[in-house]
PDB file of N, CA and C in Angstrom:
ATOM      1  N   MET A   1      -0.660   4.259   9.926  1.00  0.00           N
ATOM      2  CA  MET A   1       0.163   3.927   8.727  1.00  0.00           C
ATOM      3  C   MET A   1      -0.856   3.739   7.559  1.00  0.00           C
ATOM      4  N   PRO A   2      -0.560   3.885   6.518  1.00  0.00           N
ATOM      5  CA  PRO A   2      -1.241   3.981   5.353  1.00  0.00           C
ATOM      6  C   PRO A   2      -1.756   2.616   4.651  1.00  0.00           C
ATOM      7  N   LEU A   3      -2.460   2.529   3.690  1.00  0.00           N
ATOM      8  CA  LEU A   3      -3.007   1.318   2.715  1.00  0.00           C
ATOM      9  C   LEU A   3      -2.325   1.641   1.579  1.00  0.00           C
ATOM     10  N   THR A   4      -1.621   0.770   0.994  1.00  0.00           N
ATOM     11  CA  THR A   4      -1.218   0.988  -0.603  1.00  0.00           C
ATOM     12  C   THR A   4      -1.447  -0.333  -1.357  1.00  0.00           C
ATOM     13  N   THR A   5      -1.148  -0.182  -2.625  1.00  0.00           N
ATOM     14  CA  THR A   5      -1.161  -1.266  -3.587  1.00  0.00           C
ATOM     15  C   THR A   5      -0.015  -0.938  -4.536  1.00  0.00           C
ATOM     16  N   HIS A   6       0.342  -1.837  -5.457  1.00  0.00           N
ATOM     17  CA  HIS A   6       1.179  -1.765  -6.459  1.00  0.00           C
ATOM     18  C   HIS A   6       0.747  -3.127  -7.300  1.00  0.00           C
ATOM     19  N   VAL A   7       0.786  -2.703  -8.601  1.00  0.00           N
ATOM     20  CA  VAL A   7       0.156  -4.041  -9.449  1.00  0.00           C
ATOM     21  C   VAL A   7       1.468  -4.090 -10.648  1.00  0.00           C
ATOM     22  N   LEU A   8       2.062  -5.402 -10.863  1.00  0.00           N
ATOM     23  CA  LEU A   8       2.805  -5.632 -11.827  1.00  0.00           C
ATOM     24  C   LEU A   8       2.100  -6.620 -12.914  1.00  0.00           C
ATOM     25  N   ASP A   9       2.519  -6.375 -14.005  1.00  0.00           N
ATOM     26  CA  ASP A   9       2.005  -7.041 -15.154  1.00  0.00           C
ATOM     27  C   ASP A   9       3.075  -8.213 -15.370  1.00  0.00           C
ATOM     28  N   THR A  10       2.769  -9.499 -14.972  1.00  0.00           N
ATOM     29  CA  THR A  10       3.782 -10.549 -15.292  1.00  0.00           C
ATOM     30  C   THR A  10       3.871 -10.851 -16.798  1.00  0.00           C
ATOM     31  N   MET A  11       2.811 -10.696 -17.462  1.00  0.00           N
ATOM     32  CA  MET A  11       2.931 -11.000 -18.884  1.00  0.00           C
ATOM     33  C   MET A  11       3.851 -10.309 -19.535  1.00  0.00           C
ATOM     34  N   HIS A  12       3.895  -9.013 -19.368  1.00  0.00           N
ATOM     35  CA  HIS A  12       4.903  -8.126 -20.272  1.00  0.00           C
ATOM     36  C   HIS A  12       6.020  -7.481 -19.188  1.00  0.00           C
ATOM     37  N   GLY A  13       6.021  -8.024 -18.158  1.00  0.00           N
ATOM     38  CA  GLY A  13       7.332  -7.343 -17.239  1.00  0.00           C
ATOM     39  C   GLY A  13       7.341  -6.154 -16.928  1.00  0.00           C
ATOM     40  N   THR A  14       6.103  -5.671 -16.623  1.00  0.00           N
ATOM     41  CA  THR A  14       6.152  -4.015 -16.428  1.00  0.00           C
ATOM     42  C   THR A  14       4.953  -3.813 -15.412  1.00  0.00           C
ATOM     43  N   PRO A  15       5.117  -2.588 -14.760  1.00  0.00           N
ATOM     44  CA  PRO A  15       4.147  -2.203 -13.876  1.00  0.00           C
ATOM     45  C   PRO A  15       2.793  -1.950 -14.884  1.00  0.00           C
ATOM     46  N   ALA A  16       1.647  -2.258 -14.071  1.00  0.00           N
ATOM     47  CA  ALA A  16       0.191  -1.992 -14.727  1.00  0.00           C
ATOM     48  C   ALA A  16      -0.218  -0.712 -14.814  1.00  0.00           C
ATOM     49  N   SER A  17       0.419  -0.009 -15.646  1.00  0.00           N
ATOM     50  CA  SER A  17       0.047   1.378 -15.776  1.00  0.00           C
ATOM     51  C   SER A  17      -1.193   1.589 -16.547  1.00  0.00           C
ATOM     52  N   GLY A  18      -2.250   2.146 -16.109  1.00  0.00           N
ATOM     53  CA  GLY A  18      -3.497   2.471 -16.660  1.00  0.00           C
ATOM     54  C   GLY A  18      -4.586   1.528 -16.063  1.00  0.00           C
ATOM     55  N   MET A  19      -4.322   0.557 -15.064  1.00  0.00           N
ATOM     56  CA  MET A  19      -5.328  -0.337 -14.516  1.00  0.00           C
ATOM     57  C   MET A  19      -6.040   0.458 -13.558  1.00  0.00           C
ATOM     58  N   ARG A  20      -7.421   0.060 -13.780  1.00  0.00           N
ATOM     59  CA  ARG A  20      -8.347   0.686 -12.857  1.00  0.00           C
ATOM     60  C   ARG A  20      -8.687  -0.164 -11.589  1.00  0.00           C
ATOM     61  N   VAL A  21      -8.610   0.548 -10.310  1.00  0.00           N
ATOM     62  CA  VAL A  21      -8.728  -0.258  -9.028  1.00  0.00           C
ATOM     63  C   VAL A  21      -9.784   0.487  -8.089  1.00  0.00           C
ATOM     64  N   GLU A  22     -10.580  -0.362  -7.640  1.00  0.00           N
ATOM     65  CA  GLU A  22     -11.684   0.131  -6.527  1.00  0.00           C
ATOM     66  C   GLU A  22     -11.143  -0.218  -5.228  1.00  0.00           C
ATOM     67  N   LEU A  23     -11.436   0.586  -4.178  1.00  0.00           N
ATOM     68  CA  LEU A  23     -11.195   0.265  -2.744  1.00  0.00           C
ATOM     69  C   LEU A  23     -12.709   0.403  -2.169  1.00  0.00           C
ATOM     70  N   TRP A  24     -13.008  -0.825  -1.493  1.00  0.00           N
ATOM     71  CA  TRP A  24     -14.463  -0.908  -0.891  1.00  0.00           C
ATOM     72  C   TRP A  24     -14.302  -1.190   0.627  1.00  0.00           C
ATOM     73  N   ASN A  25     -15.133  -0.477   1.498  1.00  0.00           N
ATOM     74  CA  ASN A  25     -15.192  -0.733   2.896  1.00  0.00           C
ATOM     75  C   ASN A  25     -16.397  -1.754   2.979  1.00  0.00           C
ATOM     76  N   LEU A  26     -16.209  -2.875   3.499  1.00  0.00           N
ATOM     77  CA  LEU A  26     -17.032  -4.132   3.466  1.00  0.00           C
ATOM     78  C   LEU A  26     -17.903  -4.157   4.766  1.00  0.00           C
ATOM     79  N   ASP A  27     -17.558  -3.230   5.766  1.00  0.00           N
ATOM     80  CA  ASP A  27     -18.335  -3.247   6.894  1.00  0.00           C
ATOM     81  C   ASP A  27     -19.463  -2.152   6.974  1.00  0.00           C
ATOM     82  N   ALA A  28     -19.252  -1.239   5.849  1.00  0.00           N
ATOM     83  CA  ALA A  28     -20.474  -0.267   5.619  1.00  0.00           C
ATOM     84  C   ALA A  28     -21.781  -1.235   5.362  1.00  0.00           C
ATOM     85  N   GLU A  29     -22.853  -0.642   5.492  1.00  0.00           N
ATOM     86  CA  GLU A  29     -24.100  -1.333   5.110  1.00  0.00           C
ATOM     87  C   GLU A  29     -24.776  -0.438   4.258  1.00  0.00           C
ATOM     88  N   PRO A  30     -25.026  -0.770   2.975  1.00  0.00           N
ATOM     89  CA  PRO A  30     -24.419  -1.762   2.241  1.00  0.00           C
ATOM     90  C   PRO A  30     -22.731  -1.539   2.017  1.00  0.00           C
ATOM     91  N   PRO A  31     -21.996  -2.381   1.400  1.00  0.00           N
ATOM     92  CA  PRO A  31     -20.634  -2.062   1.232  1.00  0.00           C
ATOM     93  C   PRO A  31     -20.336  -0.693   0.540  1.00  0.00           C
ATOM     94  N   GLN A  32     -19.461   0.097   0.859  1.00  0.00           N
ATOM     95  CA  GLN A  32     -19.202   1.434   0.324  1.00  0.00           C
ATOM     96  C   GLN A  32     -17.904   1.495  -0.554  1.00  0.00           C
ATOM     97  N   LEU A  33     -18.273   2.066  -1.710  1.00  0.00           N
ATOM     98  CA  LEU A  33     -16.970   2.346  -2.559  1.00  0.00           C
ATOM     99  C   LEU A  33     -16.251   3.586  -1.875  1.00  0.00           C
ATOM    100  N   VAL A  34     -15.105   3.343  -1.762  1.00  0.00           N
ATOM    101  CA  VAL A  34     -14.400   4.434  -1.004  1.00  0.00           C
ATOM    102  C   VAL A  34     -13.509   5.169  -1.954  1.00  0.00           C
ATOM    103  N   ARG A  35     -12.983   4.468  -2.984  1.00  0.00           N
ATOM    104  CA  ARG A  35     -11.966   5.099  -3.900  1.00  0.00           C
ATOM    105  C   ARG A  35     -11.963   4.404  -5.306  1.00  0.00           C
ATOM    106  N   GLN A  36     -11.728   5.155  -6.424  1.00  0.00           N
ATOM    107  CA  GLN A  36     -11.481   4.617  -7.737  1.00  0.00           C
ATOM    108  C   GLN A  36     -10.177   5.150  -8.203  1.00  0.00           C
ATOM    109  N   VAL A  37      -9.309   4.394  -8.581  1.00  0.00           N
ATOM    110  CA  VAL A  37      -8.019   5.001  -8.968  1.00  0.00           C
ATOM    111  C   VAL A  37      -7.682   4.407 -10.260  1.00  0.00           C
ATOM    112  N   THR A  38      -6.855   5.105 -11.286  1.00  0.00           N
ATOM    113  CA  THR A  38      -6.194   4.522 -12.228  1.00  0.00           C
ATOM    114  C   THR A  38      -4.526   4.668 -11.954  1.00  0.00           C
ATOM    115  N   LEU A  39      -4.105   3.423 -12.088  1.00  0.00           N
ATOM    116  CA  LEU A  39      -2.599   3.530 -11.634  1.00  0.00           C
ATOM    117  C   LEU A  39      -1.646   4.179 -12.596  1.00  0.00           C
ATOM    118  N   ASN A  40      -0.619   4.799 -11.888  1.00  0.00           N
ATOM    119  CA  ASN A  40       0.359   5.560 -12.849  1.00  0.00           C
ATOM    120  C   ASN A  40       1.374   4.475 -13.549  1.00  0.00           C
ATOM    121  N   ALA A  41       2.345   5.184 -14.100  1.00  0.00           N
ATOM    122  CA  ALA A  41       3.520   4.414 -14.893  1.00  0.00           C
ATOM    123  C   ALA A  41       4.092   3.532 -14.086  1.00  0.00           C
ATOM    124  N   ASP A  42       4.069   3.520 -12.646  1.00  0.00           N
ATOM    125  CA  ASP A  42       4.752   2.791 -11.713  1.00  0.00           C
ATOM    126  C   ASP A  42       3.907   1.636 -11.193  1.00  0.00           C
ATOM    127  N   GLY A  43       2.601   1.658 -11.820  1.00  0.00           N
ATOM    128  CA  GLY A  43       1.493   0.721 -11.137  1.00  0.00           C
ATOM    129  C   GLY A  43       1.169   0.864  -9.855  1.00  0.00           C
ATOM    130  N   ARG A  44       1.158   2.183  -9.610  1.00  0.00           N
ATOM    131  CA  ARG A  44       0.844   2.748  -8.048  1.00  0.00           C
ATOM    132  C   ARG A  44      -0.325   3.907  -8.197  1.00  0.00           C
ATOM    133  N   ASN A  45      -1.012   4.061  -7.087  1.00  0.00           N
ATOM    134  CA  ASN A  45      -1.900   5.201  -7.106  1.00  0.00           C
ATOM    135  C   ASN A  45      -1.304   6.293  -7.325  1.00  0.00           C
ATOM    136  N   PRO A  46      -1.384   7.458  -8.313  1.00  0.00           N
ATOM    137  CA  PRO A  46      -0.790   8.506  -8.482  1.00  0.00           C
ATOM    138  C   PRO A  46      -0.802   9.552  -7.391  1.00  0.00           C
ATOM    139  N   ASP A  47      -1.922   9.401  -6.504  1.00  0.00           N
ATOM    140  CA  ASP A  47      -2.109  10.284  -5.356  1.00  0.00           C
ATOM    141  C   ASP A  47      -1.646   9.833  -4.132  1.00  0.00           C
ATOM    142  N   GLY A  48      -0.895   8.710  -4.173  1.00  0.00           N
ATOM    143  CA  GLY A  48      -0.313   8.199  -2.877  1.00  0.00           C
ATOM    144  C   GLY A  48      -1.010   7.066  -2.325  1.00  0.00           C
ATOM    145  N   PRO A  49      -1.150   6.772  -0.996  1.00  0.00           N
ATOM    146  CA  PRO A  49      -1.800   5.893  -0.344  1.00  0.00           C
ATOM    147  C   PRO A  49      -3.460   5.806  -0.831  1.00  0.00           C
ATOM    148  N   LEU A  50      -4.010   4.577  -0.792  1.00  0.00           N
ATOM    149  CA  LEU A  50      -5.368   4.590  -0.854  1.00  0.00           C
ATOM    150  C   LEU A  50      -6.189   5.001   0.304  1.00  0.00           C
ATOM    151  N   LEU A  51      -5.597   4.709   1.495  1.00  0.00           N
ATOM    152  CA  LEU A  51      -5.996   5.191   2.688  1.00  0.00           C
ATOM    153  C   LEU A  51      -4.822   5.702   3.340  1.00  0.00           C
ATOM    154  N   ASP A  52      -4.827   7.126   3.822  1.00  0.00           N
ATOM    155  CA  ASP A  52      -3.720   7.595   4.726  1.00  0.00           C
ATOM    156  C   ASP A  52      -3.822   7.168   6.116  1.00  0.00           C
ATOM    157  N   ALA A  53      -2.815   7.614   6.874  1.00  0.00           N
ATOM    158  CA  ALA A  53      -2.990   7.241   8.282  1.00  0.00           C
ATOM    159  C   ALA A  53      -4.200   7.665   9.130  1.00  0.00           C
ATOM    160  N   ALA A  54      -4.678   8.717   8.853  1.00  0.00           N
ATOM    161  CA  ALA A  54      -5.881   9.196   9.372  1.00  0.00           C
ATOM    162  C   ALA A  54      -7.055   8.671   8.969  1.00  0.00           C
ATOM    163  N   SER A  55      -7.166   7.912   7.971  1.00  0.00           N
ATOM    164  CA  SER A  55      -8.297   7.368   7.333  1.00  0.00           C
ATOM    165  C   SER A  55      -8.536   5.979   7.491  1.00  0.00           C
ATOM    166  N   ILE A  56      -7.187   5.107   7.709  1.00  0.00           N
ATOM    167  CA  ILE A  56      -7.281   3.728   7.948  1.00  0.00           C
ATOM    168  C   ILE A  56      -7.910   3.077   9.160  1.00  0.00           C
ATOM    169  N   ARG A  57      -8.934   2.234   9.069  1.00  0.00           N
ATOM    170  CA  ARG A  57      -9.670   1.759  10.126  1.00  0.00           C
ATOM    171  C   ARG A  57      -9.542   0.356  10.250  1.00  0.00           C
ATOM    172  N   VAL A  58      -9.699  -0.216  11.427  1.00  0.00           N
ATOM    173  CA  VAL A  58     -10.007  -1.713  11.589  1.00  0.00           C
ATOM    174  C   VAL A  58     -11.269  -2.106  10.803  1.00  0.00           C
ATOM    175  N   GLY A  59     -11.037  -3.316  10.065  1.00  0.00           N
ATOM    176  CA  GLY A  59     -12.307  -3.754   9.427  1.00  0.00           C
ATOM    177  C   GLY A  59     -11.929  -4.676   8.245  1.00  0.00           C
ATOM    178  N   ARG A  60     -12.947  -4.895   7.442  1.00  0.00           N
ATOM    179  CA  ARG A  60     -12.842  -5.636   6.342  1.00  0.00           C
ATOM    180  C   ARG A  60     -12.961  -4.847   5.184  1.00  0.00           C
ATOM    181  N   TRP A  61     -12.142  -4.965   4.107  1.00  0.00           N
ATOM    182  CA  TRP A  61     -11.929  -4.198   2.905  1.00  0.00           C
ATOM    183  C   TRP A  61     -11.689  -5.025   1.949  1.00  0.00           C
ATOM    184  N   ARG A  62     -12.012  -4.425   0.699  1.00  0.00           N
ATOM    185  CA  ARG A  62     -11.785  -5.049  -0.713  1.00  0.00           C
ATOM    186  C   ARG A  62     -11.226  -4.318  -1.787  1.00  0.00           C
ATOM    187  N   LEU A  63     -10.212  -4.931  -2.338  1.00  0.00           N
ATOM    188  CA  LEU A  63      -9.725  -4.146  -3.717  1.00  0.00           C
ATOM    189  C   LEU A  63     -10.086  -4.959  -4.756  1.00  0.00           C
ATOM    190  N   VAL A  64     -10.547  -4.330  -5.917  1.00  0.00           N
ATOM    191  CA  VAL A  64     -10.894  -4.938  -7.165  1.00  0.00           C
ATOM    192  C   VAL A  64     -10.278  -4.122  -8.268  1.00  0.00           C
ATOM    193  N   PHE A  65      -9.587  -5.197  -8.953  1.00  0.00           N
ATOM    194  CA  PHE A  65      -8.510  -4.800 -10.075  1.00  0.00           C
ATOM    195  C   PHE A  65      -9.195  -5.144 -11.382  1.00  0.00           C
ATOM    196  N   ASP A  66      -9.165  -4.292 -12.216  1.00  0.00           N
ATOM    197  CA  ASP A  66      -9.826  -4.486 -13.478  1.00  0.00           C
ATOM    198  C   ASP A  66      -8.889  -5.034 -14.749  1.00  0.00           C
ATOM    199  N   VAL A  67      -8.545  -6.438 -14.402  1.00  0.00           N
ATOM    200  CA  VAL A  67      -7.559  -7.027 -15.031  1.00  0.00           C
ATOM    201  C   VAL A  67      -7.757  -7.151 -16.524  1.00  0.00           C
ATOM    202  N   ALA A  68      -8.934  -7.794 -16.985  1.00  0.00           N
ATOM    203  CA  ALA A  68      -9.167  -7.983 -18.217  1.00  0.00           C
ATOM    204  C   ALA A  68      -9.344  -6.707 -19.054  1.00  0.00           C
ATOM    205  N   ALA A  69     -10.007  -5.698 -18.464  1.00  0.00           N
ATOM    206  CA  ALA A  69     -10.014  -4.351 -19.244  1.00  0.00           C
ATOM    207  C   ALA A  69      -8.585  -3.746 -19.454  1.00  0.00           C
ATOM    208  N   TYR A  70      -7.604  -3.960 -18.430  1.00  0.00           N
ATOM    209  CA  TYR A  70      -6.189  -3.580 -18.658  1.00  0.00           C
ATOM    210  C   TYR A  70      -5.560  -4.284 -19.744  1.00  0.00           C
ATOM    211  N   PHE A  71      -5.740  -5.669 -19.907  1.00  0.00           N
ATOM    212  CA  PHE A  71      -4.851  -6.389 -20.837  1.00  0.00           C
ATOM    213  C   PHE A  71      -5.663  -6.112 -22.280  1.00  0.00           C
ATOM    214  N   ALA A  72      -6.977  -6.037 -22.196  1.00  0.00           N
ATOM    215  CA  ALA A  72      -7.412  -5.457 -23.494  1.00  0.00           C
ATOM    216  C   ALA A  72      -7.078  -4.527 -24.105  1.00  0.00           C
ATOM    217  N   ALA A  73      -6.803  -3.373 -23.290  1.00  0.00           N
ATOM    218  CA  ALA A  73      -6.196  -1.930 -23.591  1.00  0.00           C
ATOM    219  C   ALA A  73      -4.786  -2.029 -24.077  1.00  0.00           C
ATOM    220  N   ARG A  74      -4.243  -3.084 -23.785  1.00  0.00           N
ATOM    221  CA  ARG A  74      -2.809  -3.395 -24.096  1.00  0.00           C
ATOM    222  C   ARG A  74      -2.742  -4.050 -25.450  1.00  0.00           C
ATOM    223  N   GLY A  75      -3.963  -4.657 -25.949  1.00  0.00           N
ATOM    224  CA  GLY A  75      -3.928  -5.271 -27.138  1.00  0.00           C
ATOM    225  C   GLY A  75      -3.766  -6.908 -26.965  1.00  0.00           C
ATOM    226  N   VAL A  76      -3.868  -7.237 -25.803  1.00  0.00           N
ATOM    227  CA  VAL A  76      -4.027  -8.611 -25.664  1.00  0.00           C
ATOM    228  C   VAL A  76      -5.295  -9.422 -25.965  1.00  0.00           C
ATOM    229  N   GLN A  77      -5.267 -10.263 -27.023  1.00  0.00           N
ATOM    230  CA  GLN A  77      -6.250 -11.071 -27.250  1.00  0.00           C
ATOM    231  C   GLN A  77      -7.047 -12.025 -26.277  1.00  0.00           C
ATOM    232  N   LEU A  78      -8.069 -11.581 -25.652  1.00  0.00           N
ATOM    233  CA  LEU A  78      -8.713 -12.449 -24.668  1.00  0.00           C
ATOM    234  C   LEU A  78      -9.670 -13.307 -25.006  1.00  0.00           C
ATOM    235  N   PRO A  79      -9.962 -14.496 -24.520  1.00  0.00           N
ATOM    236  CA  PRO A  79     -11.320 -15.164 -24.856  1.00  0.00           C
ATOM    237  C   PRO A  79     -12.288 -14.488 -24.193  1.00  0.00           C
ATOM    238  N   GLN A  80     -13.705 -14.627 -24.726  1.00  0.00           N
ATOM    239  CA  GLN A  80     -14.661 -14.170 -24.186  1.00  0.00           C
ATOM    240  C   GLN A  80     -15.892 -15.259 -23.847  1.00  0.00           C
ATOM    241  N   PRO A  81     -16.084 -15.274 -22.306  1.00  0.00           N
ATOM    242  CA  PRO A  81     -15.615 -14.100 -21.471  1.00  0.00           C
ATOM    243  C   PRO A  81     -14.149 -14.448 -21.243  1.00  0.00           C
ATOM    244  N   PRO A  82     -13.299 -13.457 -20.509  1.00  0.00           N
ATOM    245  CA  PRO A  82     -12.024 -13.547 -20.172  1.00  0.00           C
ATOM    246  C   PRO A  82     -11.843 -14.521 -19.145  1.00  0.00           C
ATOM    247  N   PHE A  83     -10.742 -15.201 -18.927  1.00  0.00           N
ATOM    248  CA  PHE A  83     -10.619 -16.100 -17.759  1.00  0.00           C
ATOM    249  C   PHE A  83     -10.533 -15.380 -16.429  1.00  0.00           C
ATOM    250  N   LEU A  84      -9.722 -14.300 -16.370  1.00  0.00           N
ATOM    251  CA  LEU A  84      -9.775 -13.350 -15.328  1.00  0.00           C
ATOM    252  C   LEU A  84     -10.615 -12.022 -15.870  1.00  0.00           C
ATOM    253  N   ASP A  85     -11.579 -11.498 -15.033  1.00  0.00           N
ATOM    254  CA  ASP A  85     -12.138 -10.299 -15.628  1.00  0.00           C
ATOM    255  C   ASP A  85     -11.555  -9.238 -14.574  1.00  0.00           C
ATOM    256  N   ARG A  86     -12.440  -9.302 -13.303  1.00  0.00           N
ATOM    257  CA  ARG A  86     -11.856  -8.464 -12.216  1.00  0.00           C
ATOM    258  C   ARG A  86     -11.425  -9.205 -11.092  1.00  0.00           C
ATOM    259  N   VAL A  87     -10.271  -9.011 -10.698  1.00  0.00           N
ATOM    260  CA  VAL A  87      -9.754  -9.883  -9.343  1.00  0.00           C
ATOM    261  C   VAL A  87     -10.077  -9.074  -8.333  1.00  0.00           C
ATOM    262  N   THR A  88     -10.879  -9.813  -7.350  1.00  0.00           N
ATOM    263  CA  THR A  88     -11.300  -9.242  -6.020  1.00  0.00           C
ATOM    264  C   THR A  88     -10.597  -9.866  -4.956  1.00  0.00           C
ATOM    265  N   LEU A  89     -10.035  -8.962  -3.999  1.00  0.00           N
ATOM    266  CA  LEU A  89      -9.139  -9.392  -2.995  1.00  0.00           C
ATOM    267  C   LEU A  89      -9.859  -8.927  -1.664  1.00  0.00           C
ATOM    268  N   ASP A  90     -10.238  -9.537  -0.861  1.00  0.00           N
ATOM    269  CA  ASP A  90     -10.863  -9.284   0.361  1.00  0.00           C
ATOM    270  C   ASP A  90      -9.851  -9.447   1.523  1.00  0.00           C
ATOM    271  N   PHE A  91      -9.568  -8.516   2.324  1.00  0.00           N
ATOM    272  CA  PHE A  91      -8.718  -8.660   3.463  1.00  0.00           C
ATOM    273  C   PHE A  91      -9.039  -7.781   4.493  1.00  0.00           C
ATOM    274  N   GLY A  92      -8.490  -8.123   5.819  1.00  0.00           N
ATOM    275  CA  GLY A  92      -8.776  -7.272   6.848  1.00  0.00           C
ATOM    276  C   GLY A  92      -7.603  -6.452   7.467  1.00  0.00           C
ATOM    277  N   ILE A  93      -8.000  -5.259   8.104  1.00  0.00           N
ATOM    278  CA  ILE A  93      -7.096  -4.685   8.675  1.00  0.00           C
ATOM    279  C   ILE A  93      -7.282  -4.693  10.197  1.00  0.00           C
ATOM    280  N   ALA A  94      -6.463  -5.221  10.849  1.00  0.00           N
ATOM    281  CA  ALA A  94      -6.360  -5.299  12.447  1.00  0.00           C
ATOM    282  C   ALA A  94      -5.756  -4.498  13.054  1.00  0.00           C
ATOM    283  N   GLU A  95      -4.712  -4.087  12.509  1.00  0.00           N
ATOM    284  CA  GLU A  95      -3.574  -3.082  13.387  1.00  0.00           C
ATOM    285  C   GLU A  95      -3.622  -1.742  12.337  1.00  0.00           C
ATOM    286  N   PRO A  96      -4.455  -0.725  12.536  1.00  0.00           N
ATOM    287  CA  PRO A  96      -4.254   0.478  11.785  1.00  0.00           C
ATOM    288  C   PRO A  96      -2.810   1.198  11.979  1.00  0.00           C
ATOM    289  N   SER A  97      -2.207   0.842  12.921  1.00  0.00           N
ATOM    290  CA  SER A  97      -0.783   1.558  13.313  1.00  0.00           C
ATOM    291  C   SER A  97       0.145   1.030  12.306  1.00  0.00           C
ATOM    292  N   GLN A  98      -0.229  -0.053  11.763  1.00  0.00           N
ATOM    293  CA  GLN A  98       0.914  -0.804  10.793  1.00  0.00           C
ATOM    294  C   GLN A  98       0.515  -0.302   9.239  1.00  0.00           C
ATOM    295  N   HIS A  99       1.519  -0.382   8.398  1.00  0.00           N
ATOM    296  CA  HIS A  99       1.622  -0.376   7.123  1.00  0.00           C
ATOM    297  C   HIS A  99       0.873  -1.428   6.342  1.00  0.00           C
ATOM    298  N   TYR A 100      -0.318  -1.500   5.652  1.00  0.00           N
ATOM    299  CA  TYR A 100      -0.873  -2.492   4.830  1.00  0.00           C
ATOM    300  C   TYR A 100      -0.614  -2.158   3.467  1.00  0.00           C
ATOM    301  N   HIS A 101       0.203  -2.952   2.705  1.00  0.00           N
ATOM    302  CA  HIS A 101       0.665  -2.924   1.338  1.00  0.00           C
ATOM    303  C   HIS A 101      -0.015  -4.320   0.639  1.00  0.00           C
ATOM    304  N   VAL A 102      -0.798  -3.945  -0.290  1.00  0.00           N
ATOM    305  CA  VAL A 102      -1.507  -5.303  -0.885  1.00  0.00           C
ATOM    306  C   VAL A 102      -1.057  -5.135  -2.439  1.00  0.00           C
ATOM    307  N   PRO A 103      -0.071  -5.723  -2.836  1.00  0.00           N
ATOM    308  CA  PRO A 103       0.340  -5.899  -4.215  1.00  0.00           C
ATOM    309  C   PRO A 103      -0.297  -7.024  -5.080  1.00  0.00           C
ATOM    310  N   LEU A 104      -0.394  -6.808  -6.233  1.00  0.00           N
ATOM    311  CA  LEU A 104      -0.934  -7.771  -7.112  1.00  0.00           C
ATOM    312  C   LEU A 104      -0.043  -7.947  -8.285  1.00  0.00           C
ATOM    313  N   LEU A 105       0.418  -9.262  -8.560  1.00  0.00           N
ATOM    314  CA  LEU A 105       1.167  -9.715  -9.755  1.00  0.00           C
ATOM    315  C   LEU A 105       0.102 -10.273 -10.648  1.00  0.00           C
ATOM    316  N   CYS A 106      -0.123 -10.104 -11.946  1.00  0.00           N
ATOM    317  CA  CYS A 106      -1.222 -10.645 -12.750  1.00  0.00           C
ATOM    318  C   CYS A 106      -0.698 -10.710 -14.178  1.00  0.00           C
ATOM    319  N   SER A 107      -1.508 -11.664 -14.658  1.00  0.00           N
ATOM    320  CA  SER A 107      -1.206 -11.903 -16.123  1.00  0.00           C
ATOM    321  C   SER A 107      -2.759 -12.232 -16.505  1.00  0.00           C
ATOM    322  N   PRO A 108      -3.205 -12.463 -17.841  1.00  0.00           N
ATOM    323  CA  PRO A 108      -4.545 -12.769 -18.108  1.00  0.00           C
ATOM    324  C   PRO A 108      -4.994 -14.063 -17.637  1.00  0.00           C
ATOM    325  N   TRP A 109      -4.125 -14.812 -17.112  1.00  0.00           N
ATOM    326  CA  TRP A 109      -4.425 -16.211 -16.494  1.00  0.00           C
ATOM    327  C   TRP A 109      -3.995 -16.485 -15.247  1.00  0.00           C
ATOM    328  N   SER A 110      -3.472 -15.738 -14.437  1.00  0.00           N
ATOM    329  CA  SER A 110      -3.197 -15.965 -13.003  1.00  0.00           C
ATOM    330  C   SER A 110      -2.917 -14.642 -12.304  1.00  0.00           C
ATOM    331  N   TYR A 111      -2.983 -14.955 -11.023  1.00  0.00           N
ATOM    332  CA  TYR A 111      -2.445 -13.700 -10.182  1.00  0.00           C
ATOM    333  C   TYR A 111      -2.087 -14.306  -8.848  1.00  0.00           C
ATOM    334  N   SER A 112      -1.276 -13.451  -8.250  1.00  0.00           N
ATOM    335  CA  SER A 112      -0.869 -13.760  -6.678  1.00  0.00           C
ATOM    336  C   SER A 112      -0.955 -12.396  -6.143  1.00  0.00           C
ATOM    337  N   THR A 113      -0.883 -12.483  -4.728  1.00  0.00           N
ATOM    338  CA  THR A 113      -0.886 -11.340  -3.875  1.00  0.00           C
ATOM    339  C   THR A 113      -0.221 -11.780  -2.414  1.00  0.00           C
ATOM    340  N   TYR A 114       0.022 -10.832  -1.647  1.00  0.00           N
ATOM    341  CA  TYR A 114       0.728 -11.036  -0.474  1.00  0.00           C
ATOM    342  C   TYR A 114       0.511  -9.915   0.394  1.00  0.00           C
ATOM    343  N   ARG A 115       0.793  -9.884   1.798  1.00  0.00           N
ATOM    344  CA  ARG A 115       0.824  -8.580   2.498  1.00  0.00           C
ATOM    345  C   ARG A 115       2.381  -8.266   2.567  1.00  0.00           C
ATOM    346  N   GLY A 116       2.592  -7.181   1.876  1.00  0.00           N
ATOM    347  CA  GLY A 116       3.866  -6.493   1.580  1.00  0.00           C
ATOM    348  C   GLY A 116       4.127  -5.560   2.756  1.00  0.00           C
ATOM    349  N   SER A 117       5.170  -4.884   2.657  1.00  0.00           N
ATOM    350  CA  SER A 117       5.738  -3.965   3.619  1.00  0.00           C
ATOM    351  C   SER A 117       5.771  -2.606   3.032  1.00  0.00           C
TER     352      SER A 117
END
């Protein structure tokens, strides 16, 4: 099954269209950047899953969300340095046969995540 993400901007009540996201493989030595994407109008990767069923592997992974750059591009006045710059989520994939969905809900001052379906 695939690895997906979805980002919602809780300040504006919209998907985080245009946010940049990186996917890293933390088990590689040194850690390896696997993908960089810019989210579409729905706050998702326009090309589908970040990892498809053939590419997903057991291991440690990292998603990095460019939160400050996204809000600055939307015209939000941020302090310097911003309270949240890049949100980093480290997580593990133990069962590659399952769908791993890692959503992010964020504002310039807070974020939350969970393992979705």
